[in-house]
Amino acid sequence: MDGKWRKNELPKSKKYCTWLRNFNENFTKMLRIDHLFHKYGLV
């Protein structure tokens, strides 16, 4: 049972790491754009 669970957990965590990396990149871009908007008084 334990070994089976571990095997199933591996691809999931890899997928999650990829998603998290993409999310972090997008979030940083959003923050940068948001900062620019505030800098030039567009918001």
PDB file of N, CA and C in Angstrom:
ATOM      1  N   MET A   1       0.832  -1.206   0.000  1.00  0.00           N
ATOM      2  CA  MET A   1       0.000   0.000   0.000  1.00  0.00           C
ATOM      3  C   MET A   1       0.871   1.262   0.000  1.00  0.00           C
ATOM      4  N   ASP A   2       1.834   1.287   0.891  1.00  0.00           N
ATOM      5  CA  ASP A   2       2.683   2.467   1.016  1.00  0.00           C
ATOM      6  C   ASP A   2       3.498   2.713  -0.254  1.00  0.00           C
ATOM      7  N   GLY A   3       4.046   1.615  -0.815  1.00  0.00           N
ATOM      8  CA  GLY A   3       4.853   1.724  -2.028  1.00  0.00           C
ATOM      9  C   GLY A   3       4.021   2.178  -3.212  1.00  0.00           C
ATOM     10  N   LYS A   4       2.805   1.652  -3.294  1.00  0.00           N
ATOM     11  CA  LYS A   4       1.889   2.023  -4.371  1.00  0.00           C
ATOM     12  C   LYS A   4       1.574   3.518  -4.302  1.00  0.00           C
ATOM     13  N   TRP A   5       1.298   3.976  -3.112  1.00  0.00           N
ATOM     14  CA  TRP A   5       0.935   5.377  -2.894  1.00  0.00           C
ATOM     15  C   TRP A   5       2.059   6.304  -3.319  1.00  0.00           C
ATOM     16  N   ARG A   6       3.283   5.901  -2.989  1.00  0.00           N
ATOM     17  CA  ARG A   6       4.447   6.721  -3.326  1.00  0.00           C
ATOM     18  C   ARG A   6       4.613   6.837  -4.837  1.00  0.00           C
ATOM     19  N   LYS A   7       4.399   5.728  -5.531  1.00  0.00           N
ATOM     20  CA  LYS A   7       4.519   5.730  -6.987  1.00  0.00           C
ATOM     21  C   LYS A   7       3.512   6.685  -7.616  1.00  0.00           C
ATOM     22  N   ASN A   8       2.307   6.686  -7.080  1.00  0.00           N
ATOM     23  CA  ASN A   8       1.265   7.566  -7.614  1.00  0.00           C
ATOM     24  C   ASN A   8       1.532   9.027  -7.282  1.00  0.00           C
ATOM     25  N   GLU A   9       2.216   9.243  -6.190  1.00  0.00           N
ATOM     26  CA  GLU A   9       2.429  10.604  -5.705  1.00  0.00           C
ATOM     27  C   GLU A   9       3.512  11.336  -6.503  1.00  0.00           C
ATOM     28  N   LEU A  10       4.459  10.611  -7.035  1.00  0.00           N
ATOM     29  CA  LEU A  10       5.580  11.231  -7.740  1.00  0.00           C
ATOM     30  C   LEU A  10       5.185  12.097  -8.936  1.00  0.00           C
ATOM     31  N   PRO A  11       4.456  11.554  -9.918  1.00  0.00           N
ATOM     32  CA  PRO A  11       4.103  12.389 -11.078  1.00  0.00           C
ATOM     33  C   PRO A  11       3.264  13.591 -10.686  1.00  0.00           C
ATOM     34  N   LYS A  12       2.425  13.397  -9.677  1.00  0.00           N
ATOM     35  CA  LYS A  12       1.557  14.476  -9.220  1.00  0.00           C
ATOM     36  C   LYS A  12       2.389  15.641  -8.696  1.00  0.00           C
ATOM     37  N   SER A  13       3.383  15.325  -7.872  1.00  0.00           N
ATOM     38  CA  SER A  13       4.204  16.383  -7.280  1.00  0.00           C
ATOM     39  C   SER A  13       5.030  17.087  -8.351  1.00  0.00           C
ATOM     40  N   LYS A  14       5.451  16.334  -9.373  1.00  0.00           N
ATOM     41  CA  LYS A  14       6.220  16.933 -10.463  1.00  0.00           C
ATOM     42  C   LYS A  14       5.347  17.919 -11.226  1.00  0.00           C
ATOM     43  N   LYS A  15       4.111  17.501 -11.471  1.00  0.00           N
ATOM     44  CA  LYS A  15       3.155  18.349 -12.177  1.00  0.00           C
ATOM     45  C   LYS A  15       2.887  19.608 -11.366  1.00  0.00           C
ATOM     46  N   TYR A  16       2.770  19.417 -10.063  1.00  0.00           N
ATOM     47  CA  TYR A  16       2.493  20.533  -9.162  1.00  0.00           C
ATOM     48  C   TYR A  16       3.647  21.521  -9.153  1.00  0.00           C
ATOM     49  N   CYS A  17       4.871  20.999  -9.174  1.00  0.00           N
ATOM     50  CA  CYS A  17       6.053  21.867  -9.188  1.00  0.00           C
ATOM     51  C   CYS A  17       6.081  22.704 -10.461  1.00  0.00           C
ATOM     52  N   THR A  18       5.741  22.078 -11.583  1.00  0.00           N
ATOM     53  CA  THR A  18       5.705  22.797 -12.859  1.00  0.00           C
ATOM     54  C   THR A  18       4.648  23.883 -12.814  1.00  0.00           C
ATOM     55  N   TRP A  19       3.484  23.517 -12.270  1.00  0.00           N
ATOM     56  CA  TRP A  19       2.391  24.487 -12.168  1.00  0.00           C
ATOM     57  C   TRP A  19       2.788  25.644 -11.278  1.00  0.00           C
ATOM     58  N   LEU A  20       3.454  25.317 -10.168  1.00  0.00           N
ATOM     59  CA  LEU A  20       3.860  26.341  -9.210  1.00  0.00           C
ATOM     60  C   LEU A  20       4.871  27.287  -9.841  1.00  0.00           C
ATOM     61  N   ARG A  21       5.798  26.737 -10.628  1.00  0.00           N
ATOM     62  CA  ARG A  21       6.811  27.558 -11.286  1.00  0.00           C
ATOM     63  C   ARG A  21       6.146  28.503 -12.269  1.00  0.00           C
ATOM     64  N   ASN A  22       5.216  27.982 -13.062  1.00  0.00           N
ATOM     65  CA  ASN A  22       4.483  28.813 -14.020  1.00  0.00           C
ATOM     66  C   ASN A  22       3.692  29.892 -13.308  1.00  0.00           C
ATOM     67  N   PHE A  23       3.063  29.506 -12.201  1.00  0.00           N
ATOM     68  CA  PHE A  23       2.266  30.447 -11.432  1.00  0.00           C
ATOM     69  C   PHE A  23       3.143  31.566 -10.895  1.00  0.00           C
ATOM     70  N   ASN A  24       4.321  31.214 -10.385  1.00  0.00           N
ATOM     71  CA  ASN A  24       5.232  32.215  -9.838  1.00  0.00           C
ATOM     72  C   ASN A  24       5.693  33.189 -10.911  1.00  0.00           C
ATOM     73  N   GLU A  25       5.989  32.660 -12.105  1.00  0.00           N
ATOM     74  CA  GLU A  25       6.419  33.524 -13.211  1.00  0.00           C
ATOM     75  C   GLU A  25       5.309  34.486 -13.608  1.00  0.00           C
ATOM     76  N   ASN A  26       4.102  33.956 -13.732  1.00  0.00           N
ATOM     77  CA  ASN A  26       2.960  34.793 -14.106  1.00  0.00           C
ATOM     78  C   ASN A  26       2.667  35.837 -13.043  1.00  0.00           C
ATOM     79  N   PHE A  27       2.771  35.422 -11.787  1.00  0.00           N
ATOM     80  CA  PHE A  27       2.502  36.321 -10.674  1.00  0.00           C
ATOM     81  C   PHE A  27       3.512  37.464 -10.654  1.00  0.00           C
ATOM     82  N   THR A  28       4.783  37.141 -10.909  1.00  0.00           N
ATOM     83  CA  THR A  28       5.833  38.163 -10.942  1.00  0.00           C
ATOM     84  C   THR A  28       5.580  39.148 -12.072  1.00  0.00           C
ATOM     85  N   LYS A  29       5.171  38.620 -13.234  1.00  0.00           N
ATOM     86  CA  LYS A  29       4.859  39.488 -14.375  1.00  0.00           C
ATOM     87  C   LYS A  29       3.704  40.412 -14.033  1.00  0.00           C
ATOM     88  N   MET A  30       2.670  39.850 -13.406  1.00  0.00           N
ATOM     89  CA  MET A  30       1.513  40.645 -13.019  1.00  0.00           C
ATOM     90  C   MET A  30       1.910  41.753 -12.054  1.00  0.00           C
ATOM     91  N   LEU A  31       2.752  41.421 -11.099  1.00  0.00           N
ATOM     92  CA  LEU A  31       3.192  42.417 -10.120  1.00  0.00           C
ATOM     93  C   LEU A  31       3.972  43.526 -10.807  1.00  0.00           C
ATOM     94  N   ARG A  32       4.800  43.149 -11.772  1.00  0.00           N
ATOM     95  CA  ARG A  32       5.614  44.124 -12.489  1.00  0.00           C
ATOM     96  C   ARG A  32       4.728  45.068 -13.288  1.00  0.00           C
ATOM     97  N   ILE A  33       3.732  44.493 -13.964  1.00  0.00           N
ATOM     98  CA  ILE A  33       2.791  45.293 -14.758  1.00  0.00           C
ATOM     99  C   ILE A  33       2.001  46.216 -13.839  1.00  0.00           C
ATOM    100  N   ASP A  34       1.555  45.671 -12.715  1.00  0.00           N
ATOM    101  CA  ASP A  34       0.803  46.441 -11.725  1.00  0.00           C
ATOM    102  C   ASP A  34       1.643  47.611 -11.225  1.00  0.00           C
ATOM    103  N   HIS A  35       2.917  47.346 -10.978  1.00  0.00           N
ATOM    104  CA  HIS A  35       3.830  48.378 -10.492  1.00  0.00           C
ATOM    105  C   HIS A  35       3.984  49.488 -11.533  1.00  0.00           C
ATOM    106  N   LEU A  36       4.099  49.087 -12.802  1.00  0.00           N
ATOM    107  CA  LEU A  36       4.226  50.074 -13.877  1.00  0.00           C
ATOM    108  C   LEU A  36       2.981  50.940 -13.976  1.00  0.00           C
ATOM    109  N   PHE A  37       1.808  50.309 -13.871  1.00  0.00           N
ATOM    110  CA  PHE A  37       0.551  51.054 -13.924  1.00  0.00           C
ATOM    111  C   PHE A  37       0.492  52.110 -12.830  1.00  0.00           C
ATOM    112  N   HIS A  38       0.876  51.719 -11.628  1.00  0.00           N
ATOM    113  CA  HIS A  38       0.841  52.658 -10.507  1.00  0.00           C
ATOM    114  C   HIS A  38       1.879  53.762 -10.688  1.00  0.00           C
ATOM    115  N   LYS A  39       3.025  53.391 -11.245  1.00  0.00           N
ATOM    116  CA  LYS A  39       4.108  54.345 -11.464  1.00  0.00           C
ATOM    117  C   LYS A  39       3.659  55.461 -12.406  1.00  0.00           C
ATOM    118  N   TYR A  40       2.927  55.079 -13.459  1.00  0.00           N
ATOM    119  CA  TYR A  40       2.505  56.068 -14.443  1.00  0.00           C
ATOM    120  C   TYR A  40       1.082  56.558 -14.216  1.00  0.00           C
ATOM    121  N   GLY A  41       0.507  56.173 -13.069  1.00  0.00           N
ATOM    122  CA  GLY A  41      -0.816  56.670 -12.692  1.00  0.00           C
ATOM    123  C   GLY A  41      -1.942  56.230 -13.600  1.00  0.00           C
ATOM    124  N   LEU A  42      -1.841  55.013 -14.111  1.00  0.00           N
ATOM    125  CA  LEU A  42      -2.888  54.518 -15.001  1.00  0.00           C
ATOM    126  C   LEU A  42      -4.012  53.840 -14.235  1.00  0.00           C
ATOM    127  N   VAL A  43      -3.773  53.535 -12.969  1.00  0.00           N
ATOM    128  CA  VAL A  43      -4.810  52.867 -12.170  1.00  0.00           C
ATOM    129  C   VAL A  43      -5.339  53.845 -11.132  1.00  0.00           C
TER     130      VAL A  43
END
